[in-house]
C-alpha atoms as a PDB file:
ATOM      1  CA  MET A   1     105.955 204.200  96.957  1.00  0.00           C
ATOM      2  CA  SER A   2     103.116 205.432  94.797  1.00  0.00           C
ATOM      3  CA  ALA A   3     101.542 203.639  91.881  1.00  0.00           C
ATOM      4  CA  THR A   4     102.271 204.752  88.355  1.00  0.00           C
ATOM      5  CA  PRO A   5     100.109 204.345  85.258  1.00  0.00           C
ATOM      6  CA  ARG A   6     102.536 201.596  84.210  1.00  0.00           C
ATOM      7  CA  ASP A   7     101.833 199.702  87.472  1.00  0.00           C
ATOM      8  CA  ALA A   8      98.118 199.859  86.766  1.00  0.00           C
ATOM      9  CA  LEU A   9      98.607 198.701  83.167  1.00  0.00           C
ATOM     10  CA  ASP A  10     100.793 195.788  84.277  1.00  0.00           C
ATOM     11  CA  LEU A  11      98.114 194.720  86.757  1.00  0.00           C
ATOM     12  CA  VAL A  12      95.354 194.917  84.127  1.00  0.00           C
ATOM     13  CA  LEU A  13      97.432 192.868  81.679  1.00  0.00           C
ATOM     14  CA  LEU A  14      98.188 190.255  84.321  1.00  0.00           C
ATOM     15  CA  ALA A  15      94.526 190.015  85.355  1.00  0.00           C
ATOM     16  CA  GLY A  16      93.582 189.735  81.675  1.00  0.00           C
ATOM     17  CA  LYS A  17      95.691 186.574  81.390  1.00  0.00           C
ATOM     18  CA  ALA A  18      93.719 184.862  84.145  1.00  0.00           C
ATOM     19  CA  ARG A  19      91.991 181.646  83.114  1.00  0.00           C
ATOM     20  CA  ASN A  20      88.925 182.167  85.301  1.00  0.00           C
ATOM     21  CA  ARG A  21      87.190 184.634  87.587  1.00  0.00           C
ATOM     22  CA  ASP A  22      88.855 183.326  90.753  1.00  0.00           C
ATOM     23  CA  GLU A  23      92.312 183.907  89.258  1.00  0.00           C
ATOM     24  CA  VAL A  24      91.333 187.512  88.504  1.00  0.00           C
ATOM     25  CA  PHE A  25      90.281 188.046  92.121  1.00  0.00           C
ATOM     26  CA  PHE A  26      93.428 186.503  93.563  1.00  0.00           C
ATOM     27  CA  THR A  27      95.646 188.417  91.128  1.00  0.00           C
ATOM     28  CA  LEU A  28      94.023 191.667  92.213  1.00  0.00           C
ATOM     29  CA  VAL A  29      94.286 191.075  95.953  1.00  0.00           C
ATOM     30  CA  ASN A  30      97.809 189.637  95.895  1.00  0.00           C
ATOM     31  CA  ARG A  31      99.513 191.757  93.231  1.00  0.00           C
ATOM     32  CA  THR A  32      98.230 195.234  94.074  1.00  0.00           C
ATOM     33  CA  VAL A  33     100.369 195.317  97.233  1.00  0.00           C
ATOM     34  CA  ALA A  34     103.437 195.991  95.074  1.00  0.00           C
ATOM     35  CA  ALA A  35     101.907 199.275  93.928  1.00  0.00           C
ATOM     36  CA  PHE A  36      99.589 200.168  96.791  1.00  0.00           C
ATOM     37  CA  ARG A  37     100.780 199.385 100.317  1.00  0.00           C
ATOM     38  CA  TYR A  38      98.218 197.705 102.556  1.00  0.00           C
ATOM     39  CA  ASP A  39      98.055 195.026 105.231  1.00  0.00           C
ATOM     40  CA  ARG A  40      95.234 192.949 103.793  1.00  0.00           C
ATOM     41  CA  ALA A  41      92.981 193.199 100.730  1.00  0.00           C
ATOM     42  CA  SER A  42      89.741 191.468  99.850  1.00  0.00           C
ATOM     43  CA  VAL A  43      87.192 191.211  97.046  1.00  0.00           C
ATOM     44  CA  TRP A  44      83.526 190.893  98.032  1.00  0.00           C
ATOM     45  CA  SER A  45      80.304 190.050  96.271  1.00  0.00           C
ATOM     46  CA  LEU A  46      77.754 192.623  97.418  1.00  0.00           C
ATOM     47  CA  GLY A  47      74.347 191.086  96.878  1.00  0.00           C
ATOM     48  CA  ARG A  48      71.605 190.367  99.365  1.00  0.00           C
ATOM     49  CA  ARG A  49      74.232 188.624 101.488  1.00  0.00           C
ATOM     50  CA  PRO A  50      77.765 189.990 101.086  1.00  0.00           C
ATOM     51  CA  LYS A  51      80.385 187.250 100.818  1.00  0.00           C
ATOM     52  CA  PRO A  52      84.172 187.306 100.443  1.00  0.00           C
ATOM     53  CA  LEU A  53      85.507 186.051  97.109  1.00  0.00           C
ATOM     54  CA  ALA A  54      89.233 186.469  97.747  1.00  0.00           C
ATOM     55  CA  VAL A  55      91.509 187.607 100.577  1.00  0.00           C
ATOM     56  CA  SER A  56      95.204 188.419 100.301  1.00  0.00           C
ATOM     57  CA  GLY A  57      97.879 186.800 102.387  1.00  0.00           C
ATOM     58  CA  GLY A  58      97.371 184.036 104.842  1.00  0.00           C
ATOM     59  CA  GLU A  59      97.555 183.252 108.478  1.00  0.00           C
ATOM     60  CA  PRO A  60     100.038 180.730 109.804  1.00  0.00           C
ATOM     61  CA  VAL A  61      98.430 177.555 111.115  1.00  0.00           C
ATOM     62  CA  ALA A  62     100.145 175.395 113.699  1.00  0.00           C
ATOM     63  CA  PRO A  63     100.784 171.889 112.316  1.00  0.00           C
ATOM     64  CA  ARG A  64      98.819 170.301 115.160  1.00  0.00           C
ATOM     65  CA  SER A  65      95.918 172.735 114.960  1.00  0.00           C
ATOM     66  CA  ALA A  66      92.374 171.578 114.256  1.00  0.00           C
ATOM     67  CA  PHE A  67      92.576 173.807 111.159  1.00  0.00           C
ATOM     68  CA  ALA A  68      95.590 172.020 109.663  1.00  0.00           C
ATOM     69  CA  ALA A  69      94.868 169.675 106.762  1.00  0.00           C
ATOM     70  CA  GLU A  70      96.115 166.133 107.034  1.00  0.00           C
END
């Protein structure tokens, strides 16, 4: 499946409705998969120290894992 100009417009309109910068990032990384196939997407801040701002998808966490929230 290839993206169409309409797909791009829909994504821009959806991102434009975001209430804050984080919502824009998460909209971009989670909604672009419908138009552009990928396994994982991310948005980074590229300053002196690059840092991730948003990552698509999620990894399953075992309920008894040290990473699970109580």
